[in-house]
Amino acid sequence: DLGTLVSWAKAKTALGHCRIWWYRRIVALALEGHIDAKVNRTGDKLSIRFRRKQEAAS
């Protein structure tokens, strides 16, 4: 889930940013085309799934 991804990134990079900063950064990466994002909506629940893009075959 996204919370796990944020926790992992904070621990891996040792950057002291808050959770909101990390959420914004992940969304920015999706908007810049570095990662894939998919939005699912069920009733009034909204979930966003992020996935690293596959490397293009050379």
PDB file of N, CA and C in Angstrom:
ATOM      1  N   ASP A   1       0.827  -1.182   0.000  1.00  0.00           N
ATOM      2  CA  ASP A   1       0.000   0.000   0.000  1.00  0.00           C
ATOM      3  C   ASP A   1       0.872   1.245   0.000  1.00  0.00           C
ATOM      4  N   LEU A   2       0.261   2.380  -0.200  1.00  0.00           N
ATOM      5  CA  LEU A   2       0.997   3.634  -0.345  1.00  0.00           C
ATOM      6  C   LEU A   2       1.726   4.024   0.930  1.00  0.00           C
ATOM      7  N   GLY A   3       1.105   3.784   2.072  1.00  0.00           N
ATOM      8  CA  GLY A   3       1.757   4.090   3.344  1.00  0.00           C
ATOM      9  C   GLY A   3       3.035   3.305   3.532  1.00  0.00           C
ATOM     10  N   THR A   4       3.035   2.045   3.124  1.00  0.00           N
ATOM     11  CA  THR A   4       4.231   1.210   3.205  1.00  0.00           C
ATOM     12  C   THR A   4       5.312   1.747   2.283  1.00  0.00           C
ATOM     13  N   LEU A   5       4.926   2.164   1.085  1.00  0.00           N
ATOM     14  CA  LEU A   5       5.878   2.724   0.131  1.00  0.00           C
ATOM     15  C   LEU A   5       6.511   3.993   0.677  1.00  0.00           C
ATOM     16  N   VAL A   6       5.712   4.845   1.285  1.00  0.00           N
ATOM     17  CA  VAL A   6       6.230   6.082   1.862  1.00  0.00           C
ATOM     18  C   VAL A   6       7.185   5.773   3.005  1.00  0.00           C
ATOM     19  N   SER A   7       6.818   4.853   3.883  1.00  0.00           N
ATOM     20  CA  SER A   7       7.685   4.471   5.001  1.00  0.00           C
ATOM     21  C   SER A   7       9.006   3.908   4.500  1.00  0.00           C
ATOM     22  N   TRP A   8       8.952   3.074   3.479  1.00  0.00           N
ATOM     23  CA  TRP A   8      10.165   2.486   2.903  1.00  0.00           C
ATOM     24  C   TRP A   8      11.062   3.571   2.326  1.00  0.00           C
ATOM     25  N   ALA A   9      10.472   4.498   1.565  1.00  0.00           N
ATOM     26  CA  ALA A   9      11.257   5.563   0.935  1.00  0.00           C
ATOM     27  C   ALA A   9      11.907   6.459   1.985  1.00  0.00           C
ATOM     28  N   LYS A  10      11.178   6.769   3.056  1.00  0.00           N
ATOM     29  CA  LYS A  10      11.744   7.596   4.123  1.00  0.00           C
ATOM     30  C   LYS A  10      12.933   6.905   4.774  1.00  0.00           C
ATOM     31  N   ALA A  11      12.797   5.614   5.049  1.00  0.00           N
ATOM     32  CA  ALA A  11      13.882   4.868   5.682  1.00  0.00           C
ATOM     33  C   ALA A  11      15.074   4.715   4.741  1.00  0.00           C
ATOM     34  N   LYS A  12      14.810   4.448   3.477  1.00  0.00           N
ATOM     35  CA  LYS A  12      15.870   4.204   2.495  1.00  0.00           C
ATOM     36  C   LYS A  12      16.689   5.464   2.222  1.00  0.00           C
ATOM     37  N   THR A  13      16.021   6.610   2.134  1.00  0.00           N
ATOM     38  CA  THR A  13      16.709   7.851   1.783  1.00  0.00           C
ATOM     39  C   THR A  13      17.148   8.664   2.992  1.00  0.00           C
ATOM     40  N   ALA A  14      16.599   8.372   4.152  1.00  0.00           N
ATOM     41  CA  ALA A  14      16.890   9.097   5.397  1.00  0.00           C
ATOM     42  C   ALA A  14      16.549  10.584   5.290  1.00  0.00           C
ATOM     43  N   LEU A  15      15.620  10.928   4.397  1.00  0.00           N
ATOM     44  CA  LEU A  15      15.159  12.309   4.289  1.00  0.00           C
ATOM     45  C   LEU A  15      14.060  12.532   5.312  1.00  0.00           C
ATOM     46  N   GLY A  16      14.097  13.663   5.981  1.00  0.00           N
ATOM     47  CA  GLY A  16      13.163  13.928   7.064  1.00  0.00           C
ATOM     48  C   GLY A  16      11.882  14.627   6.655  1.00  0.00           C
ATOM     49  N   HIS A  17      11.414  14.403   5.457  1.00  0.00           N
ATOM     50  CA  HIS A  17      10.184  15.058   5.014  1.00  0.00           C
ATOM     51  C   HIS A  17       8.959  14.373   5.619  1.00  0.00           C
ATOM     52  N   CYS A  18       7.869  15.131   5.705  1.00  0.00           N
ATOM     53  CA  CYS A  18       6.626  14.575   6.247  1.00  0.00           C
ATOM     54  C   CYS A  18       5.934  13.696   5.206  1.00  0.00           C
ATOM     55  N   ARG A  19       4.919  12.966   5.633  1.00  0.00           N
ATOM     56  CA  ARG A  19       4.173  12.068   4.743  1.00  0.00           C
ATOM     57  C   ARG A  19       3.550  12.807   3.564  1.00  0.00           C
ATOM     58  N   ILE A  20       3.017  14.001   3.807  1.00  0.00           N
ATOM     59  CA  ILE A  20       2.378  14.766   2.734  1.00  0.00           C
ATOM     60  C   ILE A  20       3.384  15.057   1.624  1.00  0.00           C
ATOM     61  N   TRP A  21       4.617  15.412   1.991  1.00  0.00           N
ATOM     62  CA  TRP A  21       5.653  15.678   0.985  1.00  0.00           C
ATOM     63  C   TRP A  21       5.875  14.440   0.137  1.00  0.00           C
ATOM     64  N   TRP A  22       5.942  13.276   0.764  1.00  0.00           N
ATOM     65  CA  TRP A  22       6.172  12.032   0.024  1.00  0.00           C
ATOM     66  C   TRP A  22       5.006  11.712  -0.896  1.00  0.00           C
ATOM     67  N   TYR A  23       3.784  11.894  -0.435  1.00  0.00           N
ATOM     68  CA  TYR A  23       2.617  11.657  -1.292  1.00  0.00           C
ATOM     69  C   TYR A  23       2.659  12.563  -2.514  1.00  0.00           C
ATOM     70  N   ARG A  24       2.990  13.827  -2.292  1.00  0.00           N
ATOM     71  CA  ARG A  24       3.079  14.767  -3.417  1.00  0.00           C
ATOM     72  C   ARG A  24       4.177  14.363  -4.386  1.00  0.00           C
ATOM     73  N   ARG A  25       5.296  13.904  -3.880  1.00  0.00           N
ATOM     74  CA  ARG A  25       6.414  13.494  -4.742  1.00  0.00           C
ATOM     75  C   ARG A  25       6.026  12.288  -5.589  1.00  0.00           C
ATOM     76  N   ILE A  26       5.333  11.334  -4.993  1.00  0.00           N
ATOM     77  CA  ILE A  26       4.900  10.152  -5.737  1.00  0.00           C
ATOM     78  C   ILE A  26       3.925  10.549  -6.842  1.00  0.00           C
ATOM     79  N   VAL A  27       2.999  11.448  -6.529  1.00  0.00           N
ATOM     80  CA  VAL A  27       2.061  11.925  -7.552  1.00  0.00           C
ATOM     81  C   VAL A  27       2.813  12.667  -8.652  1.00  0.00           C
ATOM     82  N   ALA A  28       3.807  13.469  -8.290  1.00  0.00           N
ATOM     83  CA  ALA A  28       4.598  14.192  -9.290  1.00  0.00           C
ATOM     84  C   ALA A  28       5.328  13.219 -10.207  1.00  0.00           C
ATOM     85  N   LEU A  29       5.879  12.145  -9.662  1.00  0.00           N
ATOM     86  CA  LEU A  29       6.552  11.138 -10.490  1.00  0.00           C
ATOM     87  C   LEU A  29       5.582  10.517 -11.484  1.00  0.00           C
ATOM     88  N   ALA A  30       4.352  10.290 -11.046  1.00  0.00           N
ATOM     89  CA  ALA A  30       3.341   9.735 -11.955  1.00  0.00           C
ATOM     90  C   ALA A  30       2.999  10.735 -13.051  1.00  0.00           C
ATOM     91  N   LEU A  31       2.834  12.000 -12.686  1.00  0.00           N
ATOM     92  CA  LEU A  31       2.499  13.024 -13.672  1.00  0.00           C
ATOM     93  C   LEU A  31       3.634  13.249 -14.669  1.00  0.00           C
ATOM     94  N   GLU A  32       4.879  13.085 -14.214  1.00  0.00           N
ATOM     95  CA  GLU A  32       6.036  13.259 -15.092  1.00  0.00           C
ATOM     96  C   GLU A  32       6.264  12.039 -15.972  1.00  0.00           C
ATOM     97  N   GLY A  33       5.523  10.972 -15.732  1.00  0.00           N
ATOM     98  CA  GLY A  33       5.640   9.781 -16.559  1.00  0.00           C
ATOM     99  C   GLY A  33       6.710   8.800 -16.120  1.00  0.00           C
ATOM    100  N   HIS A  34       7.245   8.966 -14.909  1.00  0.00           N
ATOM    101  CA  HIS A  34       8.279   8.058 -14.416  1.00  0.00           C
ATOM    102  C   HIS A  34       7.706   6.777 -13.823  1.00  0.00           C
ATOM    103  N   ILE A  35       6.477   6.849 -13.323  1.00  0.00           N
ATOM    104  CA  ILE A  35       5.806   5.671 -12.786  1.00  0.00           C
ATOM    105  C   ILE A  35       4.372   5.651 -13.306  1.00  0.00           C
ATOM    106  N   ASP A  36       3.772   4.468 -13.319  1.00  0.00           N
ATOM    107  CA  ASP A  36       2.379   4.315 -13.742  1.00  0.00           C
ATOM    108  C   ASP A  36       1.471   4.483 -12.530  1.00  0.00           C
ATOM    109  N   ALA A  37       0.328   5.084 -12.738  1.00  0.00           N
ATOM    110  CA  ALA A  37      -0.653   5.251 -11.671  1.00  0.00           C
ATOM    111  C   ALA A  37      -2.014   4.807 -12.183  1.00  0.00           C
ATOM    112  N   LYS A  38      -2.759   4.136 -11.322  1.00  0.00           N
ATOM    113  CA  LYS A  38      -4.101   3.684 -11.671  1.00  0.00           C
ATOM    114  C   LYS A  38      -5.018   4.018 -10.504  1.00  0.00           C
ATOM    115  N   VAL A  39      -6.144   4.625 -10.808  1.00  0.00           N
ATOM    116  CA  VAL A  39      -7.102   5.021  -9.778  1.00  0.00           C
ATOM    117  C   VAL A  39      -8.287   4.066  -9.815  1.00  0.00           C
ATOM    118  N   ASN A  40      -8.657   3.539  -8.656  1.00  0.00           N
ATOM    119  CA  ASN A  40      -9.827   2.674  -8.519  1.00  0.00           C
ATOM    120  C   ASN A  40     -10.795   3.335  -7.558  1.00  0.00           C
ATOM    121  N   ARG A  41     -12.070   3.308  -7.904  1.00  0.00           N
ATOM    122  CA  ARG A  41     -13.085   3.865  -7.018  1.00  0.00           C
ATOM    123  C   ARG A  41     -14.179   2.838  -6.799  1.00  0.00           C
ATOM    124  N   THR A  42     -14.461   2.560  -5.529  1.00  0.00           N
ATOM    125  CA  THR A  42     -15.532   1.658  -5.145  1.00  0.00           C
ATOM    126  C   THR A  42     -16.417   2.412  -4.161  1.00  0.00           C
ATOM    127  N   GLY A  43     -17.583   2.810  -4.620  1.00  0.00           N
ATOM    128  CA  GLY A  43     -18.452   3.601  -3.751  1.00  0.00           C
ATOM    129  C   GLY A  43     -17.793   4.918  -3.415  1.00  0.00           C
ATOM    130  N   ASP A  44     -17.616   5.183  -2.120  1.00  0.00           N
ATOM    131  CA  ASP A  44     -16.954   6.419  -1.725  1.00  0.00           C
ATOM    132  C   ASP A  44     -15.508   6.187  -1.301  1.00  0.00           C
ATOM    133  N   LYS A  45     -14.960   4.995  -1.606  1.00  0.00           N
ATOM    134  CA  LYS A  45     -13.555   4.709  -1.325  1.00  0.00           C
ATOM    135  C   LYS A  45     -12.744   4.898  -2.595  1.00  0.00           C
ATOM    136  N   LEU A  46     -11.610   5.529  -2.462  1.00  0.00           N
ATOM    137  CA  LEU A  46     -10.736   5.808  -3.589  1.00  0.00           C
ATOM    138  C   LEU A  46      -9.368   5.228  -3.292  1.00  0.00           C
ATOM    139  N   SER A  47      -8.805   4.497  -4.231  1.00  0.00           N
ATOM    140  CA  SER A  47      -7.453   3.977  -4.051  1.00  0.00           C
ATOM    141  C   SER A  47      -6.638   4.287  -5.295  1.00  0.00           C
ATOM    142  N   ILE A  48      -5.371   4.560  -5.077  1.00  0.00           N
ATOM    143  CA  ILE A  48      -4.454   4.854  -6.173  1.00  0.00           C
ATOM    144  C   ILE A  48      -3.321   3.851  -6.090  1.00  0.00           C
ATOM    145  N   ARG A  49      -3.060   3.180  -7.191  1.00  0.00           N
ATOM    146  CA  ARG A  49      -1.980   2.193  -7.244  1.00  0.00           C
ATOM    147  C   ARG A  49      -0.872   2.742  -8.115  1.00  0.00           C
ATOM    148  N   PHE A  50       0.339   2.669  -7.618  1.00  0.00           N
ATOM    149  CA  PHE A  50       1.503   3.134  -8.353  1.00  0.00           C
ATOM    150  C   PHE A  50       2.386   1.946  -8.679  1.00  0.00           C
ATOM    151  N   ARG A  51       3.026   2.000  -9.838  1.00  0.00           N
ATOM    152  CA  ARG A  51       3.916   0.918 -10.248  1.00  0.00           C
ATOM    153  C   ARG A  51       5.058   1.527 -11.053  1.00  0.00           C
ATOM    154  N   ARG A  52       6.260   1.026 -10.802  1.00  0.00           N
ATOM    155  CA  ARG A  52       7.407   1.491 -11.568  1.00  0.00           C
ATOM    156  C   ARG A  52       7.253   1.062 -13.012  1.00  0.00           C
ATOM    157  N   LYS A  53       7.561   1.960 -13.942  1.00  0.00           N
ATOM    158  CA  LYS A  53       7.437   1.632 -15.364  1.00  0.00           C
ATOM    159  C   LYS A  53       8.483   0.604 -15.751  1.00  0.00           C
ATOM    160  N   GLN A  54       8.109  -0.262 -16.675  1.00  0.00           N
ATOM    161  CA  GLN A  54       9.041  -1.258 -17.191  1.00  0.00           C
ATOM    162  C   GLN A  54      10.062  -0.559 -18.077  1.00  0.00           C
ATOM    163  N   GLU A  55      11.299  -1.002 -17.990  1.00  0.00           N
ATOM    164  CA  GLU A  55      12.355  -0.445 -18.835  1.00  0.00           C
ATOM    165  C   GLU A  55      12.112  -0.858 -20.273  1.00  0.00           C
ATOM    166  N   ALA A  56      12.331   0.045 -21.186  1.00  0.00           N
ATOM    167  CA  ALA A  56      12.169  -0.261 -22.612  1.00  0.00           C
ATOM    168  C   ALA A  56      13.277  -1.210 -23.052  1.00  0.00           C
ATOM    169  N   ALA A  57      12.908  -2.198 -23.851  1.00  0.00           N
ATOM    170  CA  ALA A  57      13.899  -3.160 -24.350  1.00  0.00           C
ATOM    171  C   ALA A  57      14.790  -2.469 -25.375  1.00  0.00           C
ATOM    172  N   SER A  58      16.090  -2.687 -25.242  1.00  0.00           N
ATOM    173  CA  SER A  58      17.036  -2.053 -26.169  1.00  0.00           C
ATOM    174  C   SER A  58      17.307  -2.926 -27.353  1.00  0.00           C
TER     175      SER A  58
END
